[in-house]
Amino acid sequence: MGFYLSEHTSSLSEEKNRVDFSIDLDPVEKLHLLSQLYISQLKGLFVVKEKRQKATIIGEVRELSHQTLSIRTNEGYRLIEVADILEIRLWEEGVYD
């Protein structure tokens, strides 16, 4: 019985550490939101897939194509695949700081 509990605990631990990469935005929605940020020159908050983990990037969309976008951040420029974007939000300075 102890072996079963140990295995069950390990399984729960693995599930807790698993990263969910489910994508709710379809490509058309992504490009629509990205183009709005690009045209308005507003900062966005982007959650992206990066090396089997989620990463958050904050910055302005400087270049945009159907496959990639360039984001200017405080640290420099980042080239991101549109397919790797999981979430897009408008960055509001006072809300997140």
N, C-alpha and C. Protein backbone atom coordinates (compact mmCIF):
# COMPACT_ATOMS: atom_id res chain seq x y z
N MET A 1 0.82 -1.19 0.00
CA MET A 1 0.00 0.00 0.00
C MET A 1 0.87 1.26 0.00
N GLY A 2 1.99 1.22 0.69
CA GLY A 2 2.89 2.37 0.73
C GLY A 2 3.44 2.71 -0.63
N PHE A 3 3.73 1.69 -1.44
CA PHE A 3 4.25 1.91 -2.79
C PHE A 3 3.22 2.66 -3.62
N TYR A 4 1.96 2.27 -3.51
CA TYR A 4 0.89 2.92 -4.26
C TYR A 4 0.79 4.40 -3.88
N LEU A 5 0.82 4.71 -2.59
CA LEU A 5 0.74 6.11 -2.16
C LEU A 5 1.93 6.91 -2.68
N SER A 6 3.10 6.29 -2.66
CA SER A 6 4.29 6.97 -3.16
C SER A 6 4.14 7.29 -4.64
N GLU A 7 3.67 6.31 -5.42
CA GLU A 7 3.48 6.53 -6.85
C GLU A 7 2.42 7.59 -7.11
N HIS A 8 1.35 7.55 -6.34
CA HIS A 8 0.26 8.52 -6.50
C HIS A 8 0.76 9.93 -6.18
N THR A 9 1.54 10.08 -5.13
CA THR A 9 2.10 11.37 -4.75
C THR A 9 3.03 11.88 -5.84
N SER A 10 3.87 11.00 -6.39
CA SER A 10 4.77 11.40 -7.47
C SER A 10 3.98 11.86 -8.69
N SER A 11 2.91 11.14 -9.00
CA SER A 11 2.08 11.49 -10.14
C SER A 11 1.44 12.86 -9.95
N LEU A 12 0.93 13.14 -8.76
CA LEU A 12 0.33 14.45 -8.48
C LEU A 12 1.37 15.55 -8.58
N SER A 13 2.57 15.28 -8.10
CA SER A 13 3.64 16.27 -8.17
C SER A 13 3.99 16.58 -9.62
N GLU A 14 4.04 15.54 -10.46
CA GLU A 14 4.34 15.75 -11.88
C GLU A 14 3.25 16.59 -12.54
N GLU A 15 1.98 16.32 -12.21
CA GLU A 15 0.88 17.09 -12.79
C GLU A 15 0.96 18.55 -12.37
N LYS A 16 1.33 18.81 -11.13
CA LYS A 16 1.42 20.18 -10.62
C LYS A 16 2.51 20.95 -11.36
N ASN A 17 3.59 20.28 -11.73
CA ASN A 17 4.71 20.93 -12.39
C ASN A 17 4.56 20.99 -13.90
N ARG A 18 3.53 20.37 -14.43
CA ARG A 18 3.33 20.33 -15.88
C ARG A 18 2.86 21.70 -16.35
N VAL A 19 3.39 22.14 -17.49
CA VAL A 19 3.00 23.43 -18.07
C VAL A 19 1.94 23.18 -19.13
N ASP A 20 0.83 23.89 -19.03
CA ASP A 20 -0.26 23.75 -19.99
C ASP A 20 0.00 24.69 -21.17
N PHE A 21 0.17 24.11 -22.36
CA PHE A 21 0.41 24.89 -23.56
C PHE A 21 -0.84 25.00 -24.43
N SER A 22 -2.00 24.84 -23.84
CA SER A 22 -3.23 24.93 -24.63
C SER A 22 -3.34 26.34 -25.20
N ILE A 23 -3.75 26.41 -26.42
CA ILE A 23 -3.82 27.69 -27.12
C ILE A 23 -5.29 28.02 -27.38
N ASP A 24 -5.77 29.11 -26.81
CA ASP A 24 -7.15 29.52 -27.00
C ASP A 24 -7.32 30.43 -28.20
N LEU A 25 -6.29 31.15 -28.58
CA LEU A 25 -6.38 32.09 -29.69
C LEU A 25 -6.07 31.38 -31.01
N ASP A 26 -6.94 31.57 -32.00
CA ASP A 26 -6.60 31.02 -33.31
C ASP A 26 -5.68 32.02 -34.02
N PRO A 27 -5.01 31.60 -35.09
CA PRO A 27 -4.04 32.48 -35.76
C PRO A 27 -4.62 33.81 -36.22
N VAL A 28 -5.86 33.82 -36.67
CA VAL A 28 -6.49 35.08 -37.12
C VAL A 28 -6.66 36.04 -35.96
N GLU A 29 -7.11 35.52 -34.80
CA GLU A 29 -7.27 36.36 -33.61
C GLU A 29 -5.92 36.91 -33.15
N LYS A 30 -4.89 36.07 -33.18
CA LYS A 30 -3.55 36.52 -32.78
C LYS A 30 -3.10 37.67 -33.66
N LEU A 31 -3.19 37.48 -34.98
CA LEU A 31 -2.73 38.52 -35.90
C LEU A 31 -3.56 39.79 -35.77
N HIS A 32 -4.83 39.67 -35.49
CA HIS A 32 -5.68 40.85 -35.30
C HIS A 32 -5.23 41.64 -34.08
N LEU A 33 -5.02 40.96 -32.95
CA LEU A 33 -4.56 41.64 -31.73
C LEU A 33 -3.17 42.23 -31.91
N LEU A 34 -2.28 41.47 -32.55
CA LEU A 34 -0.92 41.96 -32.78
C LEU A 34 -0.92 43.19 -33.68
N SER A 35 -1.75 43.17 -34.72
CA SER A 35 -1.78 44.32 -35.63
C SER A 35 -2.34 45.56 -34.93
N GLN A 36 -3.29 45.38 -34.01
CA GLN A 36 -3.80 46.52 -33.24
C GLN A 36 -2.70 47.13 -32.37
N LEU A 37 -1.92 46.27 -31.71
CA LEU A 37 -0.80 46.78 -30.89
C LEU A 37 0.23 47.47 -31.78
N TYR A 38 0.52 46.88 -32.94
CA TYR A 38 1.51 47.42 -33.86
C TYR A 38 1.08 48.80 -34.38
N ILE A 39 -0.14 48.90 -34.86
CA ILE A 39 -0.63 50.16 -35.44
C ILE A 39 -0.70 51.26 -34.38
N SER A 40 -1.16 50.92 -33.19
CA SER A 40 -1.32 51.91 -32.12
C SER A 40 -0.02 52.18 -31.37
N GLN A 41 1.02 51.41 -31.64
CA GLN A 41 2.32 51.51 -30.96
C GLN A 41 2.16 51.45 -29.44
N LEU A 42 1.33 50.49 -28.99
CA LEU A 42 1.11 50.28 -27.57
C LEU A 42 1.93 49.11 -27.06
N LYS A 43 2.23 49.12 -25.76
CA LYS A 43 2.94 48.00 -25.15
C LYS A 43 1.98 46.86 -24.90
N GLY A 44 2.49 45.65 -25.10
CA GLY A 44 1.69 44.46 -24.84
C GLY A 44 2.41 43.54 -23.88
N LEU A 45 1.64 42.66 -23.26
CA LEU A 45 2.18 41.59 -22.43
C LEU A 45 1.90 40.30 -23.19
N PHE A 46 2.96 39.55 -23.48
CA PHE A 46 2.86 38.34 -24.28
C PHE A 46 3.32 37.15 -23.46
N VAL A 47 2.48 36.13 -23.39
CA VAL A 47 2.88 34.86 -22.78
C VAL A 47 3.20 33.93 -23.94
N VAL A 48 4.43 33.42 -23.96
CA VAL A 48 4.88 32.60 -25.09
C VAL A 48 5.46 31.27 -24.61
N LYS A 49 5.45 30.29 -25.52
CA LYS A 49 6.13 29.01 -25.28
C LYS A 49 7.61 29.25 -25.54
N GLU A 50 8.43 28.87 -24.58
CA GLU A 50 9.87 29.04 -24.74
C GLU A 50 10.59 27.91 -24.03
N LYS A 51 11.19 27.01 -24.79
CA LYS A 51 11.93 25.88 -24.23
C LYS A 51 11.08 25.07 -23.24
N ARG A 52 9.88 24.67 -23.69
CA ARG A 52 8.97 23.83 -22.91
C ARG A 52 8.47 24.50 -21.63
N GLN A 53 8.54 25.82 -21.57
CA GLN A 53 8.03 26.57 -20.43
C GLN A 53 7.30 27.80 -20.95
N LYS A 54 6.56 28.43 -20.06
CA LYS A 54 5.91 29.69 -20.41
C LYS A 54 6.83 30.84 -20.01
N ALA A 55 6.92 31.83 -20.88
CA ALA A 55 7.70 33.03 -20.58
C ALA A 55 6.83 34.25 -20.86
N THR A 56 7.03 35.30 -20.08
CA THR A 56 6.29 36.54 -20.26
C THR A 56 7.22 37.60 -20.83
N ILE A 57 6.77 38.24 -21.89
CA ILE A 57 7.54 39.29 -22.54
C ILE A 57 6.67 40.54 -22.57
N ILE A 58 7.26 41.67 -22.20
CA ILE A 58 6.54 42.95 -22.22
C ILE A 58 7.28 43.87 -23.17
N GLY A 59 6.55 44.42 -24.13
CA GLY A 59 7.19 45.33 -25.06
C GLY A 59 6.27 45.75 -26.19
N GLU A 60 6.85 46.49 -27.15
CA GLU A 60 6.12 47.01 -28.30
C GLU A 60 6.40 46.16 -29.53
N VAL A 61 5.36 45.90 -30.31
CA VAL A 61 5.52 45.17 -31.57
C VAL A 61 6.15 46.13 -32.57
N ARG A 62 7.35 45.81 -33.05
CA ARG A 62 8.05 46.69 -33.97
C ARG A 62 7.96 46.21 -35.41
N GLU A 63 7.92 44.89 -35.62
CA GLU A 63 7.76 44.31 -36.95
C GLU A 63 6.79 43.15 -36.83
N LEU A 64 5.99 42.94 -37.88
CA LEU A 64 4.96 41.91 -37.82
C LEU A 64 4.79 41.25 -39.18
N SER A 65 4.84 39.92 -39.20
CA SER A 65 4.51 39.15 -40.40
C SER A 65 3.56 38.03 -39.97
N HIS A 66 3.14 37.21 -40.92
CA HIS A 66 2.22 36.12 -40.58
C HIS A 66 2.88 35.06 -39.70
N GLN A 67 4.21 34.91 -39.77
CA GLN A 67 4.90 33.88 -39.00
C GLN A 67 5.62 34.40 -37.77
N THR A 68 6.16 35.61 -37.83
CA THR A 68 6.99 36.11 -36.73
C THR A 68 6.65 37.56 -36.39
N LEU A 69 7.12 37.97 -35.21
CA LEU A 69 7.04 39.37 -34.85
C LEU A 69 8.28 39.74 -34.05
N SER A 70 8.64 40.99 -34.13
CA SER A 70 9.76 41.52 -33.37
C SER A 70 9.19 42.42 -32.28
N ILE A 71 9.61 42.15 -31.04
CA ILE A 71 9.13 42.92 -29.90
C ILE A 71 10.30 43.67 -29.29
N ARG A 72 10.13 45.00 -29.11
CA ARG A 72 11.17 45.79 -28.44
C ARG A 72 10.86 45.80 -26.95
N THR A 73 11.78 45.24 -26.16
CA THR A 73 11.64 45.19 -24.71
C THR A 73 12.66 46.13 -24.09
N ASN A 74 12.66 46.23 -22.77
CA ASN A 74 13.67 47.04 -22.08
C ASN A 74 15.06 46.46 -22.25
N GLU A 75 15.15 45.15 -22.49
CA GLU A 75 16.45 44.47 -22.63
C GLU A 75 16.94 44.43 -24.07
N GLY A 76 16.09 44.76 -25.03
CA GLY A 76 16.47 44.68 -26.44
C GLY A 76 15.32 44.13 -27.26
N TYR A 77 15.65 43.61 -28.43
CA TYR A 77 14.63 43.08 -29.33
C TYR A 77 14.51 41.57 -29.21
N ARG A 78 13.30 41.06 -29.33
CA ARG A 78 13.04 39.62 -29.29
C ARG A 78 12.27 39.24 -30.55
N LEU A 79 12.71 38.19 -31.23
CA LEU A 79 12.01 37.66 -32.39
C LEU A 79 11.19 36.47 -31.92
N ILE A 80 9.88 36.51 -32.11
CA ILE A 80 8.96 35.50 -31.59
C ILE A 80 8.16 34.91 -32.74
N GLU A 81 7.94 33.60 -32.70
CA GLU A 81 7.05 32.94 -33.65
C GLU A 81 5.61 33.20 -33.22
N VAL A 82 4.76 33.59 -34.15
CA VAL A 82 3.35 33.84 -33.83
C VAL A 82 2.71 32.57 -33.25
N ALA A 83 3.10 31.41 -33.76
CA ALA A 83 2.54 30.14 -33.29
C ALA A 83 2.88 29.88 -31.82
N ASP A 84 3.95 30.48 -31.30
CA ASP A 84 4.37 30.26 -29.91
C ASP A 84 3.65 31.18 -28.92
N ILE A 85 2.85 32.11 -29.40
CA ILE A 85 2.15 33.03 -28.51
C ILE A 85 0.93 32.34 -27.91
N LEU A 86 0.85 32.33 -26.59
CA LEU A 86 -0.27 31.72 -25.88
C LEU A 86 -1.29 32.74 -25.42
N GLU A 87 -0.82 33.96 -25.13
CA GLU A 87 -1.71 34.99 -24.58
C GLU A 87 -1.19 36.36 -24.98
N ILE A 88 -2.11 37.27 -25.27
CA ILE A 88 -1.77 38.65 -25.62
C ILE A 88 -2.67 39.57 -24.80
N ARG A 89 -2.05 40.53 -24.11
CA ARG A 89 -2.82 41.52 -23.34
C ARG A 89 -2.20 42.89 -23.52
N LEU A 90 -3.02 43.91 -23.37
CA LEU A 90 -2.52 45.28 -23.38
C LEU A 90 -1.79 45.52 -22.06
N TRP A 91 -0.58 46.08 -22.14
CA TRP A 91 0.20 46.38 -20.94
C TRP A 91 -0.26 47.72 -20.39
N GLU A 92 -0.64 47.72 -19.12
CA GLU A 92 -1.05 48.95 -18.46
C GLU A 92 -0.07 49.20 -17.33
N GLU A 93 0.71 50.27 -17.45
CA GLU A 93 1.83 50.56 -16.55
C GLU A 93 1.47 50.44 -15.07
N GLY A 94 0.46 51.14 -14.61
CA GLY A 94 0.13 51.17 -13.19
C GLY A 94 -0.44 49.87 -12.66
N VAL A 95 -1.05 49.07 -13.51
CA VAL A 95 -1.72 47.85 -13.07
C VAL A 95 -0.73 46.76 -12.70
N TYR A 96 0.34 46.59 -13.48
CA TYR A 96 1.26 45.47 -13.30
C TYR A 96 2.51 45.82 -12.51
N ASP A 97 2.81 47.10 -12.37
CA ASP A 97 4.06 47.50 -11.70
C ASP A 97 4.02 47.25 -10.21
